[in-house]
Amino acid sequence: MKEKKHVHPKPTLAGESKPAAEAAPAPGAAPAGSAPSEVDALKDRLLRLQADFDNYRKRLARERAEEQQQAAERLILALLPALDHFELGLRNAQAHGGDATLVEGFRMIYQQLVETLKQAGLTPLAVEGLLFNPHEHEAVTSMPSEEHPTDTVMTEVRRGYRLGAKLLRPAQVIVAGGPQPAPAAGPDAVPTPPADQSPALPEESAV
């Protein structure tokens, strides 16, 4: 009888990986090198659609807010001339001694209108006594002044307003141009008589 030969398995060296056939794939995982499954493609498509819808919703909300802001600006700009005439009428009525009860009634209506516009975000600009700012002020004219520093606002001609953080209408102002220069003395200048002397009168002719 022939003796059977025993074959000993080849020892595996340290660090040597096992054959690929022995590594079992994870449950539910696609085989290596295979194309993405239909489920993965649907998940990716769903994520893209959700991101597009979120961007569309944000853009729609932003456009709607901008349209509401523009509509409010147009409405308030249309009301500002009437508000200007209201203020002018109240000042004239108070200056010329109008009926006190009637003036007080119109003043209360004016305050109510101003408060309503303030709740909508309208705020008047404070200008008098401030340095002239070309971004917020519109200079109507410049006048010499001994009391106001140069380039400061002397008088507000038409009130300016800001709607929220946006300048809605600049203020029309009169700007101080500095002290009035003294008249230069020339050869044709007429000398001013002293304060304690009066100019000589022509002598009367003898009859």
Protein backbone atom coordinates (compact mmCIF):
# COMPACT_ATOMS: atom_id res chain seq x y z
CA MET A 1 0.00 0.00 0.00
CA LYS A 2 1.15 3.53 -0.85
CA GLU A 3 1.48 6.02 1.95
CA LYS A 4 -0.61 9.21 1.75
CA LYS A 5 1.36 12.47 1.65
CA HIS A 6 0.25 15.16 4.05
CA VAL A 7 0.28 18.70 2.49
CA HIS A 8 0.91 21.39 5.07
CA PRO A 9 -0.75 24.82 4.44
CA LYS A 10 1.59 27.64 3.56
CA PRO A 11 2.03 29.95 6.56
CA THR A 12 0.80 33.52 6.18
CA LEU A 13 3.42 36.18 6.80
CA ALA A 14 2.72 39.14 9.11
CA GLY A 15 1.26 42.11 7.24
CA GLU A 16 0.23 40.03 4.27
CA SER A 17 -3.44 40.57 3.34
CA LYS A 18 -5.82 37.74 2.91
CA PRO A 19 -7.06 36.89 -0.57
CA ALA A 20 -9.94 39.00 -1.85
CA ALA A 21 -12.15 35.96 -2.00
CA GLU A 22 -11.90 35.52 1.76
CA ALA A 23 -13.01 39.17 2.56
CA ALA A 24 -16.79 39.21 2.78
CA PRO A 25 -18.50 42.46 1.54
CA ALA A 26 -20.57 44.49 4.00
CA PRO A 27 -24.29 43.78 3.97
CA GLY A 28 -26.13 45.98 1.47
CA ALA A 29 -22.93 47.43 -0.02
CA ALA A 30 -22.49 47.49 -3.75
CA PRO A 31 -19.73 45.27 -5.08
CA ALA A 32 -16.41 46.97 -5.64
CA GLY A 33 -16.09 48.52 -9.07
CA SER A 34 -19.81 48.30 -9.80
CA ALA A 35 -22.01 51.30 -10.84
CA PRO A 36 -24.11 53.14 -8.17
CA SER A 37 -27.37 51.45 -7.46
CA GLU A 38 -30.72 52.96 -8.39
CA VAL A 39 -31.46 53.73 -4.74
CA ASP A 40 -28.27 55.79 -4.39
CA ALA A 41 -29.10 57.71 -7.57
CA LEU A 42 -32.60 58.49 -6.28
CA LYS A 43 -31.20 59.68 -2.93
CA ASP A 44 -28.76 62.01 -4.67
CA ARG A 45 -31.51 63.37 -6.89
CA LEU A 46 -33.76 63.96 -3.88
CA LEU A 47 -31.01 65.92 -2.06
CA ARG A 48 -30.46 68.11 -5.12
CA LEU A 49 -34.17 68.81 -5.49
CA GLN A 50 -34.42 69.74 -1.80
CA ALA A 51 -31.48 72.15 -2.08
CA ASP A 52 -32.97 73.76 -5.21
CA PHE A 53 -36.34 74.17 -3.47
CA ASP A 54 -34.71 75.81 -0.42
CA ASN A 55 -32.85 78.28 -2.67
CA TYR A 56 -36.07 79.04 -4.56
CA ARG A 57 -37.98 79.64 -1.32
CA LYS A 58 -35.29 82.02 0.01
CA ARG A 59 -35.13 83.93 -3.30
CA LEU A 60 -38.93 84.25 -3.40
CA ALA A 61 -39.02 85.62 0.17
CA ARG A 62 -36.25 88.11 -0.63
CA GLU A 63 -37.98 89.33 -3.80
CA ARG A 64 -41.27 89.69 -1.94
CA ALA A 65 -39.62 91.78 0.79
CA GLU A 66 -37.97 94.00 -1.84
CA GLU A 67 -41.30 94.54 -3.61
CA GLN A 68 -42.98 95.52 -0.33
CA GLN A 69 -40.13 97.94 0.44
CA GLN A 70 -40.39 99.56 -3.00
CA ALA A 71 -44.17 99.90 -2.68
CA ALA A 72 -43.75 101.59 0.72
CA GLU A 73 -41.15 103.97 -0.73
CA ARG A 74 -43.43 104.99 -3.60
CA LEU A 75 -46.37 105.59 -1.28
CA ILE A 76 -44.38 107.66 1.24
CA LEU A 77 -42.72 109.70 -1.51
CA ALA A 78 -46.19 110.55 -2.84
CA LEU A 79 -47.28 111.65 0.67
CA LEU A 80 -44.25 113.81 1.48
CA PRO A 81 -45.38 116.90 -0.52
CA ALA A 82 -48.70 116.88 1.35
CA LEU A 83 -46.78 116.55 4.62
CA ASP A 84 -44.61 119.53 3.66
CA HIS A 85 -47.68 121.69 2.94
CA PHE A 86 -49.24 120.55 6.22
CA GLU A 87 -46.18 121.75 8.14
CA LEU A 88 -46.10 125.04 6.23
CA GLY A 89 -49.78 125.66 6.88
CA LEU A 90 -49.36 125.05 10.61
CA ARG A 91 -46.42 127.44 10.83
CA ASN A 92 -48.28 130.17 8.96
CA ALA A 93 -51.39 129.71 11.11
CA GLN A 94 -49.35 130.00 14.30
CA ALA A 95 -47.36 132.97 13.00
CA HIS A 96 -50.45 134.94 11.92
CA GLY A 97 -52.52 134.26 15.02
CA GLY A 98 -54.98 131.71 13.69
CA ASP A 99 -57.77 130.30 15.78
CA ALA A 100 -56.06 128.43 18.62
CA THR A 101 -58.61 125.60 18.76
CA LEU A 102 -58.47 125.05 15.00
CA VAL A 103 -54.68 125.15 14.95
CA GLU A 104 -54.49 122.65 17.82
CA GLY A 105 -56.86 120.30 16.01
CA PHE A 106 -54.77 120.34 12.84
CA ARG A 107 -51.61 119.91 14.90
CA MET A 108 -53.02 116.73 16.46
CA ILE A 109 -53.91 115.38 13.00
CA TYR A 110 -50.40 116.20 11.83
CA GLN A 111 -48.85 114.39 14.80
CA GLN A 112 -51.00 111.33 14.11
CA LEU A 113 -49.87 111.28 10.48
CA VAL A 114 -46.20 111.65 11.49
CA GLU A 115 -46.52 108.84 14.04
CA THR A 116 -48.06 106.53 11.44
CA LEU A 117 -45.21 107.19 9.01
CA LYS A 118 -42.69 106.70 11.81
CA GLN A 119 -44.12 103.25 12.49
CA ALA A 120 -43.54 102.47 8.81
CA GLY A 121 -39.84 103.27 9.29
CA LEU A 122 -39.75 106.95 8.27
CA THR A 123 -37.45 109.21 10.32
CA PRO A 124 -36.63 112.90 9.69
CA LEU A 125 -33.05 114.06 9.31
CA ALA A 126 -31.57 116.39 11.95
CA VAL A 127 -29.61 119.01 10.01
CA GLU A 128 -29.54 122.45 11.64
CA GLY A 129 -26.19 123.27 13.24
CA LEU A 130 -24.50 120.22 11.71
CA LEU A 131 -21.66 120.20 9.21
CA PHE A 132 -22.89 120.14 5.62
CA ASN A 133 -23.02 116.55 4.33
CA PRO A 134 -23.44 116.26 0.53
CA HIS A 135 -24.72 112.70 0.93
CA GLU A 136 -27.72 113.83 3.01
CA HIS A 137 -28.05 117.58 2.37
CA GLU A 138 -28.86 119.59 -0.73
CA ALA A 139 -27.54 123.14 -0.53
CA VAL A 140 -30.02 125.69 -1.84
CA THR A 141 -27.72 128.66 -1.28
CA SER A 142 -24.82 129.86 0.88
CA MET A 143 -25.02 132.96 3.05
CA PRO A 144 -22.40 134.79 5.14
CA SER A 145 -22.85 134.43 8.87
CA GLU A 146 -21.03 135.70 11.94
CA GLU A 147 -22.78 133.24 14.26
CA HIS A 148 -22.41 129.93 12.39
CA PRO A 149 -19.09 128.29 11.45
CA THR A 150 -18.28 127.91 7.79
CA ASP A 151 -19.96 125.00 5.96
CA THR A 152 -22.53 124.38 8.69
CA VAL A 153 -26.28 124.23 8.10
CA MET A 154 -27.97 127.49 9.07
CA THR A 155 -31.59 126.83 8.07
CA GLU A 156 -33.63 123.87 6.87
CA VAL A 157 -35.70 124.80 3.81
CA ARG A 158 -37.25 121.39 3.17
CA ARG A 159 -37.06 118.47 5.57
CA GLY A 160 -35.21 115.32 4.55
CA TYR A 161 -36.21 111.80 5.48
CA ARG A 162 -34.69 108.34 5.83
CA LEU A 163 -36.73 105.14 5.41
CA GLY A 164 -35.07 102.51 7.51
CA ALA A 165 -31.37 102.69 6.69
CA LYS A 166 -31.98 104.17 3.19
CA LEU A 167 -31.98 107.89 2.44
CA LEU A 168 -35.41 108.57 0.96
CA ARG A 169 -35.09 112.33 0.34
CA PRO A 170 -32.19 114.72 1.07
CA ALA A 171 -32.80 117.84 3.12
CA GLN A 172 -32.68 121.21 1.36
CA VAL A 173 -30.63 123.60 3.48
CA ILE A 174 -28.94 127.00 3.59
CA VAL A 175 -25.23 126.72 4.37
CA ALA A 176 -23.10 129.26 6.23
CA GLY A 177 -20.39 130.73 4.05
CA GLY A 178 -18.29 132.33 6.78
CA PRO A 179 -18.03 135.95 7.95
CA GLN A 180 -18.93 138.65 5.49
CA PRO A 181 -15.72 140.22 4.14
CA ALA A 182 -15.13 143.90 4.85
CA PRO A 183 -15.43 146.19 1.82
CA ALA A 184 -12.06 146.97 0.28
CA ALA A 185 -10.96 150.63 0.33
CA GLY A 186 -10.39 152.01 -3.16
CA PRO A 187 -9.72 155.38 -4.75
CA ASP A 188 -13.43 155.85 -5.44
CA ALA A 189 -14.54 154.85 -1.94
CA VAL A 190 -16.50 157.54 -0.11
CA PRO A 191 -15.10 158.14 3.39
CA THR A 192 -17.55 157.54 6.18
CA PRO A 193 -17.98 160.57 8.45
CA PRO A 194 -17.24 160.06 12.14
CA ALA A 195 -20.13 159.07 14.32
CA ASP A 196 -20.09 162.38 16.29
CA GLN A 197 -20.13 164.56 13.18
CA SER A 198 -22.88 164.98 10.65
CA PRO A 199 -22.14 165.70 7.00
CA ALA A 200 -21.92 169.41 6.17
CA LEU A 201 -25.00 170.87 4.58
CA PRO A 202 -24.65 173.18 1.57
CA GLU A 203 -24.79 176.90 2.48
CA GLU A 204 -27.95 178.73 1.55
CA SER A 205 -27.46 181.30 -1.17
CA ALA A 206 -28.05 184.90 -0.29
CA VAL A 207 -31.21 186.36 -1.60
